[in-house]
Amino acid sequence: MSSKEEIEQSFVTLKQTVPLLVKHKISAVPSNYALWYTYVSNESPKLNEELDAAVESELPISELRAKDLYRSYVSDTEEVNAWDLRQSLEGMMIELSQSLKDTKSDTQDYKKVMDVCIDDLSKVEKEGWSVEEVLGLVRNMVKEAQTIRQSTMSFNGALASAEKEIARLKAQLEASQQEALYDALTGLCNRRYFDSEIASKMVLEKVSLGLIDIDHFKKINDNYGHQMGDLVLKAVAKKLQSCCRDNAQVFRYGGEEFAVLMPGFDEKRARHMADVMRRSIEKITVKDRRSGQSLGDITVSAGVAQLKSKEQQSELIERADKLLYEAKRLGRNRVMPI
């Protein structure tokens, strides 16, 4: 294709992109424009599948959902940043590890020399060493002491340098975490993603929210250890994800609590889905391969609420949360309202 043809094609794509932004009420920020431009140009079939599904469902696309799609199919900036961060961490650890090995080796050599010198010192009086011989021994001890001092100073310098690097990487990780959309442990969308998604769905006539909490999770950690606790969280998250249907989406809300956003669901249908999830989780058995321990009888409690007319986002969440605690109070392993 010639340059002229490429320019003409880009204008055709542009004319098709802008109306889509207007039609779906999407802000024309660069990332959204790039996302829909890629969609119109059909450069990424997987992106087109996801956006087609979103358009067909007629559900609003949240700001973070659009950002997530942009990162997944259009931009590789985050991948590059993550790689750079990993490289910095690995480089720092290798350098620090080598400094530690060098210092340890120098210390062992120093100990051997000092042992010999101490043996020689015991001979000074017994064998009647000359002044020159004693001074030579002292000079050797001073020389070795200076060597180990230099080695220790080098290691302390490496530690100081590593401390600065750790502070820098910590700040970078915290900034990266602010941009994160997924929970690192379970792979589910995180609380930040949830806040964006529920805000975008508040314009719908019908939407329900389920809050689900693992029963007796503290006892699991106390009796089986945090390793088992993490495995339980992963297993429950996976089961919740597999139970989602018809645009329902599960999020790690915090700790051992999950949120299930169900656009287009009334309370009865949402409660049914939550109960299907509850019964499915009852069948889970988690095994820790390290310890050989197995854990079954995992249960969850849930509270489900449907959005009321003119209700605020915080009010919907609060109602679902109160129903969750009511389920806990009544004996756990149940969905409220009955």
Protein backbone atom coordinates (compact mmCIF):
# COMPACT_ATOMS: atom_id res chain seq x y z
CA MET A 1 0.00 0.00 0.00
CA SER A 2 1.39 3.42 -0.98
CA SER A 3 1.75 6.32 1.47
CA LYS A 4 -1.21 8.08 -0.14
CA GLU A 5 -3.37 4.97 0.22
CA GLU A 6 -2.30 4.58 3.86
CA ILE A 7 -3.31 8.17 4.61
CA GLU A 8 -6.66 7.72 2.89
CA GLN A 9 -7.28 4.49 4.83
CA SER A 10 -6.40 6.19 8.12
CA PHE A 11 -9.00 8.89 7.41
CA VAL A 12 -11.61 6.23 6.66
CA THR A 13 -10.79 4.54 9.98
CA LEU A 14 -10.92 7.90 11.76
CA LYS A 15 -14.39 8.64 10.39
CA GLN A 16 -15.60 5.28 11.70
CA THR A 17 -13.90 5.61 15.11
CA VAL A 18 -15.25 8.97 16.29
CA PRO A 19 -18.95 8.08 15.86
CA LEU A 20 -18.39 4.93 17.96
CA LEU A 21 -16.96 7.02 20.80
CA VAL A 22 -19.99 9.31 20.64
CA LYS A 23 -22.50 6.44 20.34
CA HIS A 24 -21.16 4.57 23.38
CA LYS A 25 -20.57 7.76 25.39
CA ILE A 26 -16.84 7.15 25.70
CA SER A 27 -14.51 10.04 26.48
CA ALA A 28 -12.14 10.83 23.62
CA VAL A 29 -8.94 10.52 25.63
CA PRO A 30 -5.94 9.18 23.66
CA SER A 31 -6.13 5.65 25.10
CA ASN A 32 -9.85 5.30 24.28
CA TYR A 33 -9.33 6.68 20.81
CA ALA A 34 -6.44 4.26 20.22
CA LEU A 35 -8.56 1.39 21.57
CA TRP A 36 -11.48 2.00 19.22
CA TYR A 37 -9.21 2.91 16.32
CA THR A 38 -7.62 -0.53 16.71
CA TYR A 39 -11.11 -2.03 16.86
CA VAL A 40 -12.24 -0.37 13.63
CA SER A 41 -9.02 -1.30 11.84
CA ASN A 42 -9.52 -4.93 12.98
CA GLU A 43 -5.85 -5.27 13.95
CA SER A 44 -6.63 -7.41 16.99
CA PRO A 45 -9.36 -10.05 16.55
CA LYS A 46 -9.38 -10.81 20.30
CA LEU A 47 -9.97 -7.15 21.10
CA ASN A 48 -12.82 -7.07 18.60
CA GLU A 49 -14.37 -10.14 20.24
CA GLU A 50 -14.33 -8.49 23.66
CA LEU A 51 -15.66 -5.15 22.45
CA ASP A 52 -18.32 -6.86 20.32
CA ALA A 53 -19.49 -8.74 23.40
CA ALA A 54 -19.58 -5.52 25.41
CA VAL A 55 -21.53 -3.69 22.69
CA GLU A 56 -23.96 -6.59 22.29
CA SER A 57 -24.69 -6.66 26.03
CA GLU A 58 -25.50 -2.93 25.89
CA LEU A 59 -23.72 -2.46 29.22
CA PRO A 60 -21.70 0.69 29.91
CA ILE A 61 -17.92 0.28 29.60
CA SER A 62 -16.21 1.64 32.69
CA GLU A 63 -13.09 3.79 32.59
CA LEU A 64 -10.91 1.03 34.04
CA ARG A 65 -12.45 -1.62 31.79
CA ALA A 66 -11.43 0.48 28.78
CA LYS A 67 -7.99 1.03 30.30
CA ASP A 68 -7.61 -2.70 30.89
CA LEU A 69 -8.50 -3.49 27.27
CA TYR A 70 -6.09 -0.81 26.07
CA ARG A 71 -3.24 -2.30 28.11
CA SER A 72 -4.07 -5.83 27.00
CA TYR A 73 -4.41 -5.27 23.28
CA VAL A 74 -2.93 -1.91 22.31
CA SER A 75 -0.16 -0.80 24.65
CA ASP A 76 2.93 -2.67 25.83
CA THR A 77 4.16 0.12 28.12
CA GLU A 78 3.15 -1.66 31.31
CA GLU A 79 4.92 -4.81 30.20
CA VAL A 80 8.11 -2.85 29.56
CA ASN A 81 7.88 -1.11 32.94
CA ALA A 82 7.30 -4.42 34.72
CA TRP A 83 10.30 -5.95 32.94
CA ASP A 84 12.51 -3.00 33.88
CA LEU A 85 11.41 -3.29 37.48
CA ARG A 86 12.14 -7.01 37.54
CA GLN A 87 15.55 -6.46 35.96
CA SER A 88 16.42 -3.82 38.56
CA LEU A 89 15.42 -6.12 41.40
CA GLU A 90 17.36 -9.07 40.00
CA GLY A 91 20.44 -6.95 39.34
CA MET A 92 20.41 -5.52 42.85
CA MET A 93 20.01 -8.95 44.46
CA ILE A 94 22.80 -10.50 42.38
CA GLU A 95 25.18 -7.67 43.26
CA LEU A 96 24.29 -7.82 46.95
CA SER A 97 24.60 -11.60 47.02
CA GLN A 98 28.04 -11.47 45.40
CA SER A 99 29.21 -8.80 47.85
CA LEU A 100 28.06 -10.98 50.72
CA LYS A 101 29.92 -14.02 49.30
CA ASP A 102 33.10 -11.99 48.78
CA THR A 103 32.97 -10.59 52.30
CA LYS A 104 32.28 -14.02 53.77
CA SER A 105 35.24 -15.47 51.86
CA ASP A 106 37.52 -12.61 52.97
CA THR A 107 36.39 -13.08 56.58
CA GLN A 108 37.20 -16.79 56.47
CA ASP A 109 40.65 -16.08 55.02
CA TYR A 110 41.23 -13.43 57.68
CA LYS A 111 40.31 -15.90 60.42
CA LYS A 112 42.85 -18.41 59.09
CA VAL A 113 45.62 -15.77 59.00
CA MET A 114 44.74 -14.57 62.51
CA ASP A 115 44.84 -18.16 63.81
CA VAL A 116 48.36 -18.54 62.42
CA CYS A 117 49.40 -15.16 63.87
CA ILE A 118 48.06 -16.10 67.31
CA ASP A 119 50.04 -19.33 67.16
CA ASP A 120 53.11 -17.31 66.22
CA LEU A 121 52.52 -14.89 69.09
CA SER A 122 52.65 -17.79 71.53
CA LYS A 123 56.09 -18.66 70.12
CA VAL A 124 57.51 -15.15 70.59
CA GLU A 125 58.44 -15.67 74.21
CA LYS A 126 59.09 -19.42 74.00
CA GLU A 127 61.44 -19.25 71.03
CA GLY A 128 62.93 -15.86 71.75
CA TRP A 129 61.98 -14.08 68.52
CA SER A 130 63.98 -11.03 67.51
CA VAL A 131 62.46 -7.52 67.41
CA GLU A 132 62.43 -7.63 63.59
CA GLU A 133 60.59 -10.94 63.58
CA VAL A 134 57.96 -9.59 66.03
CA LEU A 135 57.55 -6.38 63.99
CA GLY A 136 57.12 -8.47 60.83
CA LEU A 137 54.37 -10.43 62.54
CA VAL A 138 52.64 -7.22 63.67
CA ARG A 139 52.94 -5.71 60.18
CA ASN A 140 51.31 -8.82 58.70
CA MET A 141 48.47 -8.64 61.21
CA VAL A 142 47.90 -4.94 60.44
CA LYS A 143 47.93 -5.64 56.70
CA GLU A 144 45.35 -8.43 57.04
CA ALA A 145 43.21 -6.28 59.34
CA GLN A 146 43.23 -3.49 56.74
CA THR A 147 42.22 -5.98 54.04
CA ILE A 148 39.20 -7.25 55.99
CA ARG A 149 38.33 -3.66 56.94
CA GLN A 150 38.32 -2.69 53.28
CA SER A 151 36.19 -5.73 52.44
CA THR A 152 33.74 -4.87 55.22
CA MET A 153 33.60 -1.25 54.08
CA SER A 154 32.86 -2.41 50.52
CA PHE A 155 30.05 -4.61 51.78
CA ASN A 156 28.66 -1.78 53.92
CA GLY A 157 28.79 0.43 50.84
CA ALA A 158 26.90 -2.21 48.86
CA LEU A 159 24.31 -2.38 51.63
CA ALA A 160 23.91 1.41 51.65
CA SER A 161 23.56 1.42 47.88
CA ALA A 162 21.05 -1.44 48.06
CA GLU A 163 19.08 0.43 50.71
CA LYS A 164 18.72 3.42 48.40
CA GLU A 165 17.77 1.17 45.50
CA ILE A 166 15.20 -0.65 47.65
CA ALA A 167 13.65 2.71 48.62
CA ARG A 168 13.46 3.70 44.96
CA LEU A 169 11.97 0.36 43.91
CA LYS A 170 9.50 0.48 46.80
CA ALA A 171 8.24 3.85 45.60
CA GLN A 172 8.04 2.50 42.06
CA LEU A 173 6.15 -0.59 43.23
CA GLU A 174 3.70 1.54 45.19
CA ALA A 175 3.09 3.71 42.14
CA SER A 176 2.67 0.58 40.02
CA GLN A 177 0.23 -0.85 42.56
CA GLN A 178 -1.87 2.28 42.25
CA GLU A 179 -2.22 1.49 38.56
CA ALA A 180 -2.86 -2.23 39.10
CA LEU A 181 -6.23 -3.61 38.09
CA TYR A 182 -5.85 -7.21 39.22
CA ASP A 183 -5.32 -8.88 42.58
CA ALA A 184 -1.88 -10.53 42.56
CA LEU A 185 -2.89 -13.58 44.61
CA THR A 186 -6.18 -14.65 43.03
CA GLY A 187 -5.91 -13.08 39.59
CA LEU A 188 -9.36 -11.52 40.01
CA CYS A 189 -10.12 -7.88 39.28
CA ASN A 190 -9.31 -5.85 42.39
CA ARG A 191 -11.21 -3.37 44.58
CA ARG A 192 -10.11 -0.41 42.45
CA TYR A 193 -11.49 -2.11 39.34
CA PHE A 194 -14.72 -2.91 41.22
CA ASP A 195 -15.24 0.73 42.22
CA SER A 196 -14.97 1.79 38.57
CA GLU A 197 -17.24 -0.98 37.29
CA ILE A 198 -20.05 -0.47 39.82
CA ALA A 199 -19.97 3.29 39.23
CA SER A 200 -20.49 2.74 35.51
CA LYS A 201 -23.42 0.34 36.11
CA MET A 202 -25.40 2.66 38.41
CA VAL A 203 -27.20 4.10 35.37
CA LEU A 204 -28.84 0.75 34.59
CA GLU A 205 -32.47 0.08 35.47
CA LYS A 206 -31.57 -3.27 36.99
CA VAL A 207 -28.35 -4.32 38.71
CA SER A 208 -27.58 -6.42 41.78
CA LEU A 209 -24.56 -6.83 44.04
CA GLY A 210 -23.45 -9.83 46.05
CA LEU A 211 -20.86 -9.69 48.83
CA ILE A 212 -19.37 -13.10 49.69
CA ASP A 213 -17.14 -13.88 52.66
CA ILE A 214 -15.25 -17.11 53.49
CA ASP A 215 -16.47 -18.52 56.81
CA HIS A 216 -13.99 -18.97 59.68
CA PHE A 217 -11.08 -17.86 57.51
CA LYS A 218 -9.01 -16.74 60.52
CA LYS A 219 -9.24 -20.26 61.96
CA ILE A 220 -7.97 -21.67 58.66
CA ASN A 221 -4.92 -19.42 58.88
CA ASP A 222 -4.39 -20.15 62.57
CA ASN A 223 -4.82 -23.93 62.32
CA TYR A 224 -3.30 -24.64 58.90
CA GLY A 225 -1.04 -21.66 58.23
CA HIS A 226 -1.15 -18.76 55.78
CA GLN A 227 0.06 -20.96 52.94
CA MET A 228 -3.15 -22.97 53.19
CA GLY A 229 -5.13 -19.75 53.61
CA ASP A 230 -3.75 -18.45 50.31
CA LEU A 231 -4.62 -21.73 48.58
CA VAL A 232 -8.19 -21.48 49.89
CA LEU A 233 -8.49 -17.91 48.58
CA LYS A 234 -7.25 -19.01 45.15
CA ALA A 235 -9.61 -22.00 45.03
CA VAL A 236 -12.65 -19.95 46.09
CA ALA A 237 -11.79 -17.21 43.59
CA LYS A 238 -11.50 -19.75 40.78
CA LYS A 239 -14.83 -21.35 41.67
CA LEU A 240 -16.60 -17.98 41.88
CA GLN A 241 -15.18 -17.02 38.50
CA SER A 242 -16.37 -20.26 36.92
CA CYS A 243 -19.91 -19.71 38.23
CA CYS A 244 -20.29 -16.24 36.70
CA ARG A 245 -22.80 -16.05 33.84
CA ASP A 246 -24.48 -13.38 31.70
CA ASN A 247 -22.03 -10.49 32.30
CA ALA A 248 -21.74 -11.14 36.04
CA GLN A 249 -18.23 -10.32 37.27
CA VAL A 250 -16.39 -11.28 40.46
CA PHE A 251 -13.82 -9.11 42.25
CA ARG A 252 -11.53 -9.56 45.22
CA TYR A 253 -13.10 -6.99 47.49
CA GLY A 254 -10.59 -7.28 50.32
CA GLY A 255 -9.15 -9.94 52.64
CA GLU A 256 -11.35 -13.03 52.41
CA GLU A 257 -14.28 -11.07 50.92
CA PHE A 258 -15.41 -11.05 47.29
CA ALA A 259 -17.88 -8.90 45.39
CA VAL A 260 -20.05 -10.15 42.54
CA LEU A 261 -21.50 -7.44 40.30
CA MET A 262 -24.55 -8.64 38.35
CA PRO A 263 -25.84 -6.11 35.78
CA GLY A 264 -29.31 -6.96 34.47
CA PHE A 265 -30.09 -9.22 37.47
CA ASP A 266 -33.02 -8.71 39.79
CA GLU A 267 -32.70 -9.76 43.43
CA LYS A 268 -34.25 -13.20 42.94
CA ARG A 269 -31.94 -14.12 40.06
CA ALA A 270 -28.89 -12.65 41.81
CA ARG A 271 -29.66 -14.58 44.98
CA HIS A 272 -29.94 -17.78 42.96
CA MET A 273 -26.50 -17.20 41.41
CA ALA A 274 -24.99 -16.48 44.82
CA ASP A 275 -26.48 -19.70 46.18
CA VAL A 276 -25.10 -21.69 43.23
CA MET A 277 -21.70 -20.25 44.12
CA ARG A 278 -22.14 -21.13 47.79
CA ARG A 279 -23.07 -24.75 47.02
CA SER A 280 -20.20 -25.09 44.54
CA ILE A 281 -17.68 -23.89 47.12
CA GLU A 282 -18.94 -26.50 49.61
CA LYS A 283 -17.54 -29.16 47.27
CA ILE A 284 -14.01 -27.71 47.23
CA THR A 285 -11.11 -29.65 48.73
CA VAL A 286 -7.80 -27.82 48.93
CA LYS A 287 -4.48 -29.65 49.27
CA ASP A 288 -1.17 -28.14 50.30
CA ARG A 289 1.45 -30.13 48.35
CA ARG A 290 4.24 -28.93 50.63
CA SER A 291 2.73 -30.23 53.85
CA GLY A 292 0.42 -32.86 52.39
CA GLN A 293 -2.50 -31.37 54.35
CA SER A 294 -5.98 -31.35 52.82
CA LEU A 295 -8.86 -29.09 53.76
CA GLY A 296 -12.52 -29.55 52.88
CA ASP A 297 -15.79 -28.24 54.33
CA ILE A 298 -15.04 -24.73 53.08
CA THR A 299 -18.14 -22.55 53.25
CA VAL A 300 -19.09 -18.96 52.48
CA SER A 301 -21.78 -16.54 53.53
CA ALA A 302 -23.34 -13.99 51.20
CA GLY A 303 -25.52 -10.91 51.16
CA VAL A 304 -27.33 -9.88 47.97
CA ALA A 305 -29.02 -6.55 47.21
CA GLN A 306 -30.68 -5.08 44.13
CA LEU A 307 -30.22 -1.41 43.30
CA LYS A 308 -33.20 0.72 44.30
CA SER A 309 -34.45 3.81 42.51
CA LYS A 310 -32.26 6.87 43.21
CA GLU A 311 -30.01 4.81 45.48
CA GLN A 312 -26.35 5.74 45.75
CA GLN A 313 -23.49 3.31 45.15
CA SER A 314 -22.45 3.42 48.81
CA GLU A 315 -26.01 2.63 49.93
CA LEU A 316 -26.21 -0.45 47.70
CA ILE A 317 -22.90 -1.73 49.07
CA GLU A 318 -24.00 -1.03 52.65
CA ARG A 319 -27.25 -3.00 52.22
CA ALA A 320 -25.42 -5.98 50.74
CA ASP A 321 -22.87 -5.79 53.57
CA LYS A 322 -25.58 -5.78 56.26
CA LEU A 323 -27.20 -8.84 54.68
CA LEU A 324 -23.81 -10.57 54.63
CA TYR A 325 -23.39 -9.99 58.36
CA GLU A 326 -26.93 -11.20 58.93
CA ALA A 327 -26.01 -14.44 57.16
CA LYS A 328 -23.00 -14.74 59.47
CA ARG A 329 -25.14 -14.07 62.54
CA LEU A 330 -27.67 -16.75 61.58
CA GLY A 331 -25.02 -19.47 61.45
CA ARG A 332 -23.02 -18.89 58.23
CA ASN A 333 -23.01 -20.94 55.01
CA ARG A 334 -26.11 -19.21 53.67
CA VAL A 335 -27.29 -16.41 51.37
CA MET A 336 -29.40 -13.51 52.61
CA PRO A 337 -32.12 -12.50 52.10
CA ILE A 338 -33.80 -15.89 52.32
